[in-house]
Structures are given as C-alpha cells and as structure tokens.
Amino acid sequence: MRVRGDNARVTPEVGRANATWRSKNWGIQVGTDIIAAESKTSYWLLGITGQHDRVMVTMERIWTCRAR
C-alpha cells in the first residue's frame, strides 16, 4: 500500500492576473501481484491495483484591473 500527498502555495512572479492559489492533493494506492508462470530465468506476473486521488484548489485574487 502506498499513500502520497502534496501541499503547495503558488504566487507567480510574472503575470497580469496577479493570481495566488493553494493546492492540496493526496492519494492512496493498493495493489497485489501473483506469480502466474515461472521459468528458469523469468516470471509472468498478474496484478491488480486500486487507486483513489483527491485534489483541492483555492484561488485568490483571480484578476486585478488597474486604471491608467
């Protein structure tokens, strides 16, 4: 079983939109393998894997318009 996660806060240095966003994502993966056939030098494996992922994003200051 594998569990992974990531967390990021991004503020671009260049851009007209002046956007800031935060993202969080995580996932879980479960799997198993079995040996289906075997020889002197190799194996044939059969496996099954289930996976679930979730991503959450929050946008701030999507667009800023300044008068000239």
C-alpha atoms as a PDB file:
ATOM      1  CA  MET A   1       0.000   0.000   0.000  1.00  0.00           C
ATOM      2  CA  ARG A   2       1.242   3.482  -0.884  1.00  0.00           C
ATOM      3  CA  VAL A   3      -0.015   6.830   0.398  1.00  0.00           C
ATOM      4  CA  ARG A   4       1.192  10.117  -1.074  1.00  0.00           C
ATOM      5  CA  GLY A   5       0.449  13.774  -0.523  1.00  0.00           C
ATOM      6  CA  ASP A   6       1.499  17.233  -1.597  1.00  0.00           C
ATOM      7  CA  ASN A   7       0.809  20.781  -0.473  1.00  0.00           C
ATOM      8  CA  ALA A   8       1.690  23.934  -2.449  1.00  0.00           C
ATOM      9  CA  ARG A   9       1.097  27.690  -2.296  1.00  0.00           C
ATOM     10  CA  VAL A  10       1.905  29.394  -5.588  1.00  0.00           C
ATOM     11  CA  THR A  11       2.272  33.113  -6.275  1.00  0.00           C
ATOM     12  CA  PRO A  12       3.548  33.756  -9.800  1.00  0.00           C
ATOM     13  CA  GLU A  13       6.374  36.283 -10.070  1.00  0.00           C
ATOM     14  CA  VAL A  14       5.229  37.476 -13.514  1.00  0.00           C
ATOM     15  CA  GLY A  15       1.723  37.777 -14.867  1.00  0.00           C
ATOM     16  CA  ARG A  16      -1.107  40.217 -15.371  1.00  0.00           C
ATOM     17  CA  ALA A  17      -3.669  38.191 -13.447  1.00  0.00           C
ATOM     18  CA  ASN A  18      -1.849  38.565 -10.098  1.00  0.00           C
ATOM     19  CA  ALA A  19      -3.323  35.225  -9.047  1.00  0.00           C
ATOM     20  CA  THR A  20      -2.450  33.221  -5.962  1.00  0.00           C
ATOM     21  CA  TRP A  21      -3.580  29.659  -5.371  1.00  0.00           C
ATOM     22  CA  ARG A  22      -3.158  26.892  -2.863  1.00  0.00           C
ATOM     23  CA  SER A  23      -3.459  23.250  -3.709  1.00  0.00           C
ATOM     24  CA  LYS A  24      -3.561  20.091  -1.671  1.00  0.00           C
ATOM     25  CA  ASN A  25      -3.647  16.644  -3.179  1.00  0.00           C
ATOM     26  CA  TRP A  26      -3.396  13.189  -1.799  1.00  0.00           C
ATOM     27  CA  GLY A  27      -3.875   9.671  -2.983  1.00  0.00           C
ATOM     28  CA  ILE A  28      -3.848   6.076  -1.885  1.00  0.00           C
ATOM     29  CA  GLN A  29      -2.925   3.070  -3.954  1.00  0.00           C
ATOM     30  CA  VAL A  30      -3.352  -0.574  -3.016  1.00  0.00           C
ATOM     31  CA  GLY A  31      -2.260  -3.494  -5.147  1.00  0.00           C
ATOM     32  CA  THR A  32      -1.152  -7.082  -5.200  1.00  0.00           C
ATOM     33  CA  ASP A  33       0.800  -9.322  -7.585  1.00  0.00           C
ATOM     34  CA  ILE A  34       0.868 -13.084  -8.009  1.00  0.00           C
ATOM     35  CA  ILE A  35       3.219 -15.300  -9.962  1.00  0.00           C
ATOM     36  CA  ALA A  36       1.235 -16.770 -12.876  1.00  0.00           C
ATOM     37  CA  ALA A  37       4.080 -18.730 -14.515  1.00  0.00           C
ATOM     38  CA  GLU A  38       7.730 -19.337 -13.722  1.00  0.00           C
ATOM     39  CA  SER A  39      10.732 -20.425 -15.768  1.00  0.00           C
ATOM     40  CA  LYS A  40      14.445 -20.697 -15.010  1.00  0.00           C
ATOM     41  CA  THR A  41      15.092 -17.065 -15.980  1.00  0.00           C
ATOM     42  CA  SER A  42      11.821 -15.166 -15.640  1.00  0.00           C
ATOM     43  CA  TYR A  43       8.341 -14.839 -14.159  1.00  0.00           C
ATOM     44  CA  TRP A  44       4.947 -13.913 -15.552  1.00  0.00           C
ATOM     45  CA  LEU A  45       3.078 -11.826 -13.022  1.00  0.00           C
ATOM     46  CA  LEU A  46      -0.592 -10.936 -12.732  1.00  0.00           C
ATOM     47  CA  GLY A  47      -1.526  -7.917 -10.675  1.00  0.00           C
ATOM     48  CA  ILE A  48      -4.398  -5.707  -9.715  1.00  0.00           C
ATOM     49  CA  THR A  49      -4.242  -2.143  -8.425  1.00  0.00           C
ATOM     50  CA  GLY A  50      -6.865   0.191  -6.995  1.00  0.00           C
ATOM     51  CA  GLN A  51      -6.242   3.910  -6.740  1.00  0.00           C
ATOM     52  CA  HIS A  52      -8.056   6.944  -5.321  1.00  0.00           C
ATOM     53  CA  ASP A  53      -6.912  10.572  -5.690  1.00  0.00           C
ATOM     54  CA  ARG A  54      -8.262  13.890  -4.453  1.00  0.00           C
ATOM     55  CA  VAL A  55      -7.190  17.414  -5.414  1.00  0.00           C
ATOM     56  CA  MET A  56      -8.362  20.600  -3.673  1.00  0.00           C
ATOM     57  CA  VAL A  57      -7.517  24.062  -5.071  1.00  0.00           C
ATOM     58  CA  THR A  58      -8.256  27.529  -3.642  1.00  0.00           C
ATOM     59  CA  MET A  59      -7.876  30.550  -5.924  1.00  0.00           C
ATOM     60  CA  GLU A  60      -7.318  34.077  -4.600  1.00  0.00           C
ATOM     61  CA  ARG A  61      -7.070  37.379  -6.462  1.00  0.00           C
ATOM     62  CA  ILE A  62      -8.012  35.869  -9.789  1.00  0.00           C
ATOM     63  CA  TRP A  63      -7.949  39.173 -11.706  1.00  0.00           C
ATOM     64  CA  THR A  64      -6.887  42.683 -10.805  1.00  0.00           C
ATOM     65  CA  CYS A  65      -7.614  45.569 -13.158  1.00  0.00           C
ATOM     66  CA  ARG A  66      -5.905  48.887 -12.560  1.00  0.00           C
ATOM     67  CA  ALA A  67      -6.919  52.157 -14.165  1.00  0.00           C
ATOM     68  CA  ARG A  68      -4.157  54.039 -16.001  1.00  0.00           C
END
